[in-house]
């Protein structure tokens, strides 16, 4: 990888091997897009711990957060890594300027949900590899656009569904895929809802925040702090609970668990045939995503998937000869994760302990092994092999989240054609597969994308 200009000058005629594996020419130069809670507590530390990575730029529509991101990165390299080549991290308010930097090889996108697909598409078009926080997209239409662009450009995109790199989720999926609980017939996912919130008066927009760009492709609404993110700390932001910017916990944590469940169900590239849901929604207040809910989905071969806050947080696979339960245990991605972690929480459990000690034979199904999600992404950038959580697999898991939310809204059984990503004979439901996008933001306004897919 090309080193950042101005840090260390290396004549191009000298092979990088002369300087060792951590020479500047072997580093992956990374730009961080979005410098809030998940970036600071998870994505930046998870990436910077790997010697091959060098974060050289940050971007955030809130310049206060961009500056704090720069300070965090520079402090890490000074103190934690005791780096001898001090990095002056570049700072941007507009991520598109960061994408123009040819010395940046890859980007981490840790933005609000409504700002996932567009910058990821633009990064792929700019030739950057991508680590993208879940959910993959705000709508199925933009998720499909992203997955297609990544495939066409040969981009290494890793979804931030880091449960794939937690060994218990792989072990559970392997055991299920290899028939250790007999024929799988039911999967139950425990997932909480969100609380209602207060009404919030209009406030003055902070000078450090480009609020119009923060709203992006979504409708223009007045600024109030609990609609966006805290100005004085990095606690859980209010946008997570506004449907304008996401779908609530069904996508917030749902993509994690549905992605892991699909791994064990062997349905990573498809989806349900039927889906129905019930949910409670707030009747007042600024926050309006779903609260308590239940989703019921039927897959091929009458395999049933249920999702509800009434189940223990995690995934329970039920077969004709037993069950396996898997969860994060005591792991938390950030300190403000919305689910309490009991000290005695079991990360892996089964109806019979012997199931968990069963060895997977040489000729049985062995799943992709990753020790750490960010590290796997970096390895794949160098090898050009596919990462453990690809754009297509992420899009398929996110699609189940999004069609579940549509089913909550319509309160009737829906028939889903996973191959064509459309509802069968339901114009009202199909109209909810996309959202109108406020110009100039949104993937539909990316000129290069239109040229790539042949649109005029």
Protein backbone atom coordinates (compact mmCIF):
# COMPACT_ATOMS: atom_id res chain seq x y z
CA UNK A 1 0.00 0.00 0.00
CA UNK A 2 1.14 3.53 -0.66
CA UNK A 3 2.38 5.47 2.35
CA UNK A 4 0.89 8.83 3.33
CA UNK A 5 2.74 11.69 1.72
CA UNK A 6 4.83 13.78 4.04
CA UNK A 7 5.29 11.10 6.71
CA UNK A 8 8.25 9.11 5.43
CA UNK A 9 9.74 9.47 1.95
CA UNK A 10 10.82 6.13 0.48
CA UNK A 11 12.46 5.93 -2.97
CA UNK A 12 10.31 3.75 -5.20
CA UNK A 13 13.36 1.80 -6.45
CA UNK A 14 13.96 0.37 -2.99
CA UNK A 15 11.86 -2.75 -2.21
CA UNK A 16 9.62 -2.42 0.83
CA UNK A 17 11.01 -5.70 2.19
CA UNK A 18 14.20 -3.84 3.08
CA UNK A 19 12.29 -1.99 5.75
CA UNK A 20 10.32 -4.91 7.20
CA UNK A 21 6.65 -5.87 7.28
CA UNK A 22 5.61 -2.66 9.05
CA UNK A 23 7.33 -0.28 6.67
CA UNK A 24 5.16 2.64 5.47
CA UNK A 25 4.85 1.09 2.02
CA UNK A 26 3.20 -1.98 3.58
CA UNK A 27 0.68 -0.04 5.65
CA UNK A 28 -2.99 0.26 4.73
CA UNK A 29 -3.86 3.96 4.90
CA UNK A 30 -7.36 4.34 6.31
CA UNK A 31 -9.87 7.18 6.51
CA UNK A 32 -12.50 7.13 9.26
CA UNK A 33 -15.92 8.47 8.21
CA UNK A 34 -18.06 9.28 11.23
CA UNK A 35 -16.35 9.89 14.58
CA UNK A 36 -19.10 9.19 17.10
CA UNK A 37 -19.85 6.48 19.65
CA UNK A 38 -19.33 3.34 17.56
CA UNK A 39 -16.21 4.72 15.86
CA UNK A 40 -14.53 5.72 19.10
CA UNK A 41 -15.54 2.72 21.16
CA UNK A 42 -15.32 -0.04 18.57
CA UNK A 43 -14.19 0.58 15.00
CA UNK A 44 -11.12 2.75 15.55
CA UNK A 45 -9.70 0.67 18.44
CA UNK A 46 -10.57 -2.54 16.59
CA UNK A 47 -8.67 -1.39 13.51
CA UNK A 48 -5.72 0.47 15.03
CA UNK A 49 -4.73 -2.53 17.16
CA UNK A 50 -3.50 -4.18 13.95
CA UNK A 51 -0.04 -3.02 12.94
CA UNK A 52 -0.80 -3.08 9.22
CA UNK A 53 -3.43 -0.35 9.64
CA UNK A 54 -2.64 3.34 9.77
CA UNK A 55 -5.53 5.77 10.23
CA UNK A 56 -4.48 8.95 8.44
CA UNK A 57 -7.73 10.93 8.10
CA UNK A 58 -11.11 11.43 9.74
CA UNK A 59 -14.35 13.02 8.58
CA UNK A 60 -17.53 14.04 10.37
CA UNK A 61 -20.30 16.53 9.55
CA UNK A 62 -19.88 17.70 13.16
CA UNK A 63 -16.45 19.36 13.20
CA UNK A 64 -16.32 19.07 16.97
CA UNK A 65 -16.44 15.31 16.61
CA UNK A 66 -14.02 15.32 13.69
CA UNK A 67 -11.49 17.21 15.82
CA UNK A 68 -12.05 14.83 18.73
CA UNK A 69 -11.54 11.90 16.34
CA UNK A 70 -8.24 13.34 15.17
CA UNK A 71 -7.13 13.76 18.78
CA UNK A 72 -8.15 10.20 19.66
CA UNK A 73 -6.20 8.69 16.77
CA UNK A 74 -3.07 10.75 17.33
CA UNK A 75 -3.10 10.02 21.06
CA UNK A 76 -3.41 6.30 20.38
CA UNK A 77 -0.39 6.26 18.11
CA UNK A 78 1.66 8.34 20.54
CA UNK A 79 0.81 6.42 23.70
CA UNK A 80 -0.50 2.96 22.88
CA UNK A 81 1.65 2.10 19.89
CA UNK A 82 4.59 4.33 20.87
CA UNK A 83 4.87 5.23 17.20
CA UNK A 84 8.11 6.82 16.09
CA UNK A 85 6.54 8.24 12.91
CA UNK A 86 3.99 10.69 14.25
CA UNK A 87 0.90 11.03 12.07
CA UNK A 88 -0.77 14.39 11.55
CA UNK A 89 -4.29 13.12 10.92
CA UNK A 90 -6.17 15.03 8.23
CA UNK A 91 -9.61 16.31 9.20
CA UNK A 92 -12.63 16.79 6.95
CA UNK A 93 -16.24 17.87 7.42
CA UNK A 94 -17.27 16.50 4.01
CA UNK A 95 -16.31 12.84 3.57
CA UNK A 96 -16.31 13.29 -0.20
CA UNK A 97 -13.14 15.33 0.10
CA UNK A 98 -11.56 12.46 2.05
CA UNK A 99 -12.49 10.07 -0.76
CA UNK A 100 -10.57 12.24 -3.23
CA UNK A 101 -7.31 11.57 -1.37
CA UNK A 102 -5.50 9.02 -3.54
CA UNK A 103 -3.20 8.04 -0.67
CA UNK A 104 -6.14 6.59 1.29
CA UNK A 105 -6.58 2.90 0.53
CA UNK A 106 -9.67 2.12 2.59
CA UNK A 107 -12.38 3.70 4.73
CA UNK A 108 -14.34 2.80 7.83
CA UNK A 109 -17.93 4.07 7.73
CA UNK A 110 -19.40 4.49 11.22
CA UNK A 111 -22.19 6.93 10.43
CA UNK A 112 -25.94 6.95 11.25
CA UNK A 113 -27.99 4.35 9.39
CA UNK A 114 -29.29 6.74 6.73
CA UNK A 115 -25.68 7.58 5.85
CA UNK A 116 -24.44 4.01 5.24
CA UNK A 117 -25.21 3.11 1.63
CA UNK A 118 -24.36 6.38 -0.14
CA UNK A 119 -20.81 6.89 1.21
CA UNK A 120 -20.11 3.16 0.80
CA UNK A 121 -21.18 3.29 -2.85
CA UNK A 122 -19.09 6.42 -3.42
CA UNK A 123 -16.10 4.84 -1.69
CA UNK A 124 -16.35 1.76 -3.90
CA UNK A 125 -16.58 3.96 -6.99
CA UNK A 126 -13.47 5.82 -5.76
CA UNK A 127 -11.53 2.54 -5.51
CA UNK A 128 -11.48 2.36 -1.70
CA UNK A 129 -12.05 -0.81 0.31
CA UNK A 130 -14.68 -0.47 3.01
CA UNK A 131 -15.55 -1.47 6.55
CA UNK A 132 -19.25 -0.62 6.93
CA UNK A 133 -21.21 -0.56 10.14
CA UNK A 134 -24.53 -2.36 10.10
CA UNK A 135 -27.28 -2.09 9.04
CA UNK A 136 -26.22 -2.28 5.41
CA UNK A 137 -28.82 0.21 4.25
CA UNK A 138 -31.90 2.24 5.07
CA UNK A 139 -33.92 0.58 2.29
CA UNK A 140 -33.75 -2.58 0.22
CA UNK A 141 -33.35 -0.55 -2.98
CA UNK A 142 -30.16 1.17 -1.82
CA UNK A 143 -28.84 -2.03 -0.26
CA UNK A 144 -29.12 -3.80 -3.60
CA UNK A 145 -27.39 -0.89 -5.32
CA UNK A 146 -24.50 -1.10 -2.85
CA UNK A 147 -24.07 -4.87 -3.15
CA UNK A 148 -24.06 -4.62 -6.94
CA UNK A 149 -21.47 -1.82 -7.05
CA UNK A 150 -19.18 -3.67 -4.65
CA UNK A 151 -19.37 -6.78 -6.85
CA UNK A 152 -18.76 -4.86 -10.06
CA UNK A 153 -15.81 -2.89 -8.65
CA UNK A 154 -14.16 -5.81 -6.85
CA UNK A 155 -14.23 -3.88 -3.58
CA UNK A 156 -13.34 -5.60 -0.32
CA UNK A 157 -16.30 -4.65 1.87
CA UNK A 158 -16.60 -6.01 5.38
CA UNK A 159 -19.88 -5.55 7.23
CA UNK A 160 -19.64 -4.68 10.91
CA UNK A 161 -21.50 -7.85 11.91
CA UNK A 162 -18.69 -8.86 14.23
CA UNK A 163 -20.58 -11.80 15.74
CA UNK A 164 -19.20 -13.74 12.76
CA UNK A 165 -15.77 -13.40 14.37
CA UNK A 166 -16.96 -14.59 17.79
CA UNK A 167 -16.19 -18.33 17.94
CA UNK A 168 -19.41 -19.37 19.67
CA UNK A 169 -21.56 -18.15 16.75
CA UNK A 170 -19.47 -20.09 14.24
CA UNK A 171 -19.46 -23.21 16.45
CA UNK A 172 -23.24 -23.06 16.85
CA UNK A 173 -23.78 -22.59 13.12
CA UNK A 174 -21.41 -25.46 12.25
CA UNK A 175 -23.12 -27.82 14.68
CA UNK A 176 -26.52 -26.96 13.26
CA UNK A 177 -25.36 -27.19 9.64
CA UNK A 178 -23.88 -30.63 10.36
CA UNK A 179 -27.06 -32.04 11.85
CA UNK A 180 -26.08 -32.23 15.52
CA UNK A 181 -29.61 -31.26 16.56
CA UNK A 182 -31.29 -33.25 13.78
CA UNK A 183 -33.41 -31.45 11.21
CA UNK A 184 -33.59 -27.75 11.98
CA UNK A 185 -37.21 -26.58 12.06
CA UNK A 186 -37.37 -23.45 14.24
CA UNK A 187 -35.10 -20.52 15.05
CA UNK A 188 -35.94 -18.01 17.77
CA UNK A 189 -34.14 -14.67 18.04
CA UNK A 190 -34.36 -12.55 21.18
CA UNK A 191 -34.23 -8.86 20.36
CA UNK A 192 -35.49 -5.89 22.43
CA UNK A 193 -37.59 -2.97 21.26
CA UNK A 194 -36.98 0.71 21.96
CA UNK A 195 -38.76 3.01 24.41
CA UNK A 196 -40.84 6.02 23.49
CA UNK A 197 -39.31 9.45 24.02
CA UNK A 198 -40.39 12.96 24.97
CA UNK A 199 -41.47 15.80 22.73
CA UNK A 200 -38.52 18.02 21.92
CA UNK A 201 -38.64 21.73 21.04
CA UNK A 202 -36.69 23.24 18.18
CA UNK A 203 -33.15 24.30 19.08
CA UNK A 204 -30.49 26.40 17.41
CA UNK A 205 -28.18 24.39 15.17
CA UNK A 206 -24.64 24.18 16.63
CA UNK A 207 -22.15 26.09 14.49
CA UNK A 208 -19.90 23.03 14.35
CA UNK A 209 -22.62 20.87 12.73
CA UNK A 210 -23.55 20.81 9.04
CA UNK A 211 -27.13 19.83 9.83
CA UNK A 212 -28.38 19.89 6.25
CA UNK A 213 -25.74 17.33 5.28
CA UNK A 214 -26.42 15.33 8.45
CA UNK A 215 -30.08 14.99 7.36
CA UNK A 216 -28.83 13.84 4.00
CA UNK A 217 -31.42 12.23 1.74
CA UNK A 218 -34.14 12.31 4.42
CA UNK A 219 -36.79 15.06 4.70
CA UNK A 220 -35.92 18.44 6.18
CA UNK A 221 -37.00 18.71 9.83
CA UNK A 222 -36.06 21.11 12.60
CA UNK A 223 -32.96 20.51 14.71
CA UNK A 224 -33.22 19.32 18.27
CA UNK A 225 -30.38 17.57 20.05
CA UNK A 226 -32.15 14.33 20.93
CA UNK A 227 -32.99 13.83 17.26
CA UNK A 228 -29.28 13.85 16.35
CA UNK A 229 -26.44 13.12 18.80
CA UNK A 230 -25.27 14.58 22.13
CA UNK A 231 -22.99 17.60 21.86
CA UNK A 232 -21.18 16.96 25.14
CA UNK A 233 -20.63 13.20 25.25
CA UNK A 234 -20.76 10.01 23.18
CA UNK A 235 -23.76 8.32 24.76
CA UNK A 236 -26.45 6.56 22.72
CA UNK A 237 -27.70 9.03 20.07
CA UNK A 238 -31.36 9.90 19.55
CA UNK A 239 -31.44 9.26 15.79
CA UNK A 240 -31.43 5.52 16.53
CA UNK A 241 -35.03 5.91 17.69
CA UNK A 242 -36.33 7.97 14.77
CA UNK A 243 -37.83 6.15 11.76
CA UNK A 244 -36.62 8.92 9.48
CA UNK A 245 -33.07 7.64 9.97
CA UNK A 246 -33.57 3.92 10.56
CA UNK A 247 -35.99 1.19 11.55
CA UNK A 248 -35.17 0.77 15.25
CA UNK A 249 -33.82 -2.33 16.93
CA UNK A 250 -35.02 -4.64 14.16
CA UNK A 251 -32.10 -3.29 12.11
CA UNK A 252 -29.96 -1.90 14.96
CA UNK A 253 -29.28 -5.27 16.58
CA UNK A 254 -31.44 -7.30 14.22
CA UNK A 255 -28.89 -7.52 11.43
CA UNK A 256 -26.37 -9.01 13.86
CA UNK A 257 -28.66 -11.81 14.97
CA UNK A 258 -30.37 -12.45 11.64
CA UNK A 259 -26.97 -12.60 9.92
CA UNK A 260 -25.76 -15.15 12.50
CA UNK A 261 -29.01 -17.12 12.27
CA UNK A 262 -28.78 -17.24 8.48
CA UNK A 263 -25.30 -18.71 8.88
CA UNK A 264 -26.71 -21.66 10.79
CA UNK A 265 -29.86 -21.89 8.64
CA UNK A 266 -27.80 -21.96 5.41
CA UNK A 267 -29.96 -19.13 4.01
CA UNK A 268 -27.30 -16.44 3.61
CA UNK A 269 -28.20 -15.69 -0.01
CA UNK A 270 -31.97 -15.92 0.18
CA UNK A 271 -34.77 -14.94 2.56
CA UNK A 272 -38.21 -15.88 3.84
CA UNK A 273 -41.17 -16.79 1.65
CA UNK A 274 -43.76 -15.40 4.05
CA UNK A 275 -43.47 -12.82 6.81
CA UNK A 276 -45.90 -11.27 9.29
CA UNK A 277 -45.43 -9.13 12.37
CA UNK A 278 -47.13 -7.20 15.13
CA UNK A 279 -45.57 -4.28 16.98
CA UNK A 280 -46.31 -1.44 19.33
CA UNK A 281 -45.38 2.05 18.16
CA UNK A 282 -45.25 5.24 20.28
CA UNK A 283 -48.32 7.46 20.00
CA UNK A 284 -46.48 10.64 20.95
CA UNK A 285 -42.99 12.04 21.33
CA UNK A 286 -40.05 12.49 18.99
CA UNK A 287 -38.90 8.87 19.02
CA UNK A 288 -41.17 6.69 16.91
CA UNK A 289 -39.49 3.36 16.12
CA UNK A 290 -41.09 0.10 17.21
CA UNK A 291 -41.30 -1.04 20.81
CA UNK A 292 -42.37 -4.57 21.79
CA UNK A 293 -42.87 -6.75 18.71
CA UNK A 294 -43.09 -10.24 17.26
CA UNK A 295 -42.00 -11.33 13.78
CA UNK A 296 -42.90 -14.67 12.22
CA UNK A 297 -41.18 -15.71 8.98
CA UNK A 298 -41.40 -18.93 6.98
CA UNK A 299 -38.48 -20.08 4.86
CA UNK A 300 -38.16 -22.93 2.36
CA UNK A 301 -38.88 -26.43 3.74
CA UNK A 302 -41.19 -24.93 6.41
CA UNK A 303 -38.23 -23.61 8.43
CA UNK A 304 -39.67 -21.03 10.83
CA UNK A 305 -37.97 -17.93 12.23
CA UNK A 306 -39.42 -15.99 15.16
CA UNK A 307 -38.03 -12.68 16.47
CA UNK A 308 -39.25 -11.05 19.69
CA UNK A 309 -38.16 -9.24 22.81
CA UNK A 310 -39.92 -11.99 24.72
CA UNK A 311 -37.02 -14.37 24.06
CA UNK A 312 -33.61 -14.24 25.73
CA UNK A 313 -31.30 -12.01 23.72
CA UNK A 314 -29.50 -14.36 21.34
CA UNK A 315 -30.34 -17.15 18.92
CA UNK A 316 -31.94 -20.50 19.71
CA UNK A 317 -31.80 -23.21 17.04
CA UNK A 318 -34.39 -25.97 17.54
CA UNK A 319 -34.16 -29.30 15.76
CA UNK A 320 -35.78 -32.71 15.86
CA UNK A 321 -33.03 -33.99 18.19
CA UNK A 322 -32.30 -31.04 20.46
CA UNK A 323 -31.50 -27.32 20.61
CA UNK A 324 -28.54 -24.94 20.70
CA UNK A 325 -28.57 -21.41 22.13
CA UNK A 326 -25.88 -18.84 21.33
CA UNK A 327 -25.40 -15.25 22.46
CA UNK A 328 -22.70 -12.66 22.96
CA UNK A 329 -22.43 -13.60 26.62
CA UNK A 330 -20.77 -10.74 28.46
CA UNK A 331 -19.36 -9.08 25.35
CA UNK A 332 -20.39 -5.50 24.57
CA UNK A 333 -19.36 -3.58 21.45
CA UNK A 334 -19.77 -0.26 23.27
CA UNK A 335 -20.48 0.77 26.84
CA UNK A 336 -23.94 2.03 25.83
CA UNK A 337 -25.20 -1.23 24.30
CA UNK A 338 -28.92 -1.34 25.18
CA UNK A 339 -28.95 -4.84 26.69
CA UNK A 340 -27.64 -5.61 30.18
CA UNK A 341 -25.08 -8.40 30.32
CA UNK A 342 -25.51 -10.79 33.25
CA UNK A 343 -22.28 -12.15 34.68
CA UNK A 344 -23.63 -15.67 34.36
CA UNK A 345 -24.84 -15.28 30.77
CA UNK A 346 -24.00 -18.36 28.74
CA UNK A 347 -22.50 -17.65 25.34
CA UNK A 348 -23.20 -21.21 24.16
CA UNK A 349 -25.65 -23.77 25.53
CA UNK A 350 -27.43 -26.89 24.31
CA UNK A 351 -30.11 -29.38 25.29
CA UNK A 352 -27.33 -31.95 25.78
CA UNK A 353 -23.76 -30.83 26.68
CA UNK A 354 -22.40 -33.58 24.41
CA UNK A 355 -23.68 -31.61 21.41
CA UNK A 356 -21.23 -28.83 22.12
CA UNK A 357 -18.23 -31.15 22.37
CA UNK A 358 -19.03 -32.94 19.11
CA UNK A 359 -16.15 -32.72 16.65
CA UNK A 360 -16.77 -31.59 13.08
CA UNK A 361 -15.32 -34.24 10.78
CA UNK A 362 -12.92 -33.61 7.92
CA UNK A 363 -15.61 -34.21 5.31
CA UNK A 364 -18.31 -32.19 7.08
CA UNK A 365 -19.19 -28.51 6.65
CA UNK A 366 -16.53 -26.17 8.02
CA UNK A 367 -17.41 -22.46 8.13
CA UNK A 368 -15.19 -19.43 7.59
CA UNK A 369 -12.90 -18.77 10.57
CA UNK A 370 -12.09 -15.19 11.55
CA UNK A 371 -10.37 -14.22 14.78
CA UNK A 372 -11.36 -10.54 14.69
CA UNK A 373 -13.65 -8.66 12.31
CA UNK A 374 -11.44 -5.65 11.58
CA UNK A 375 -8.34 -7.82 11.30
CA UNK A 376 -10.07 -10.12 8.82
CA UNK A 377 -10.96 -7.08 6.71
CA UNK A 378 -7.35 -5.89 6.70
CA UNK A 379 -6.09 -9.36 5.79
CA UNK A 380 -8.52 -9.50 2.88
CA UNK A 381 -7.50 -6.07 1.62
CA UNK A 382 -4.01 -7.49 1.22
CA UNK A 383 -4.96 -10.92 -0.13
CA UNK A 384 -8.04 -9.76 -2.15
CA UNK A 385 -9.95 -12.74 -0.78
CA UNK A 386 -13.55 -12.25 0.31
CA UNK A 387 -14.05 -11.26 3.97
CA UNK A 388 -16.25 -13.13 6.40
CA UNK A 389 -19.13 -10.61 6.17
CA UNK A 390 -19.59 -9.60 2.54
CA UNK A 391 -21.84 -6.91 1.11
CA UNK A 392 -24.20 -9.45 -0.47
CA UNK A 393 -24.61 -11.49 2.72
CA UNK A 394 -25.05 -8.29 4.72
CA UNK A 395 -27.67 -7.02 2.29
CA UNK A 396 -29.64 -10.26 2.55
CA UNK A 397 -29.65 -10.15 6.36
CA UNK A 398 -30.58 -6.47 6.37
CA UNK A 399 -33.39 -7.20 3.90
CA UNK A 400 -35.04 -9.52 6.42
CA UNK A 401 -34.86 -6.72 8.99
CA UNK A 402 -36.42 -4.25 6.58
CA UNK A 403 -39.23 -6.50 5.35
CA UNK A 404 -39.97 -7.29 9.02
CA UNK A 405 -40.39 -3.58 9.69
CA UNK A 406 -42.67 -3.26 6.67
CA UNK A 407 -44.74 -6.17 8.01
CA UNK A 408 -44.99 -4.38 11.37
CA UNK A 409 -46.40 -1.35 9.59
CA UNK A 410 -48.89 -3.20 7.40
CA UNK A 411 -49.98 -5.73 10.02
CA UNK A 412 -50.75 -8.51 7.54
CA UNK A 413 -49.00 -11.54 6.08
CA UNK A 414 -46.66 -10.62 3.24
CA UNK A 415 -45.31 -12.94 0.53
CA UNK A 416 -41.67 -12.21 -0.27
CA UNK A 417 -39.89 -13.15 -3.49
CA UNK A 418 -36.27 -13.21 -2.29
CA UNK A 419 -34.84 -13.88 -5.74
CA UNK A 420 -36.37 -10.72 -7.21
CA UNK A 421 -36.51 -8.79 -3.92
CA UNK A 422 -40.17 -7.87 -4.34
CA UNK A 423 -43.40 -8.67 -2.55
CA UNK A 424 -45.80 -10.82 -4.53
CA UNK A 425 -48.93 -8.99 -5.66
CA UNK A 426 -48.65 -6.18 -3.11
CA UNK A 427 -48.09 -2.70 -4.52
CA UNK A 428 -48.43 -1.04 -1.13
CA UNK A 429 -45.66 -3.16 0.37
CA UNK A 430 -43.43 -2.78 -2.69
CA UNK A 431 -43.72 1.00 -2.45
CA UNK A 432 -41.96 0.70 0.93
CA UNK A 433 -38.85 -0.95 -0.51
CA UNK A 434 -37.45 2.50 -1.27
CA UNK A 435 -37.79 6.06 0.02
CA UNK A 436 -37.77 9.34 -1.85
CA UNK A 437 -34.34 10.97 -1.56
CA UNK A 438 -33.86 14.69 -0.93
CA UNK A 439 -31.47 16.10 -3.50
CA UNK A 440 -28.55 16.35 -3.74
CA UNK A 441 -28.17 13.47 -1.26
CA UNK A 442 -28.92 9.79 -1.74
CA UNK A 443 -27.65 7.03 -3.99
CA UNK A 444 -30.10 7.94 -6.75
CA UNK A 445 -28.23 11.24 -7.20
CA UNK A 446 -24.78 9.67 -7.66
CA UNK A 447 -23.90 10.40 -11.29
CA UNK A 448 -21.18 7.74 -11.48
CA UNK A 449 -23.61 5.09 -10.24
CA UNK A 450 -26.08 6.01 -12.97
CA UNK A 451 -23.34 5.64 -15.56
CA UNK A 452 -22.22 2.31 -14.08
CA UNK A 453 -25.64 0.66 -14.18
CA UNK A 454 -26.56 2.12 -17.57
CA UNK A 455 -29.11 4.71 -16.47
CA UNK A 456 -29.18 8.04 -18.28
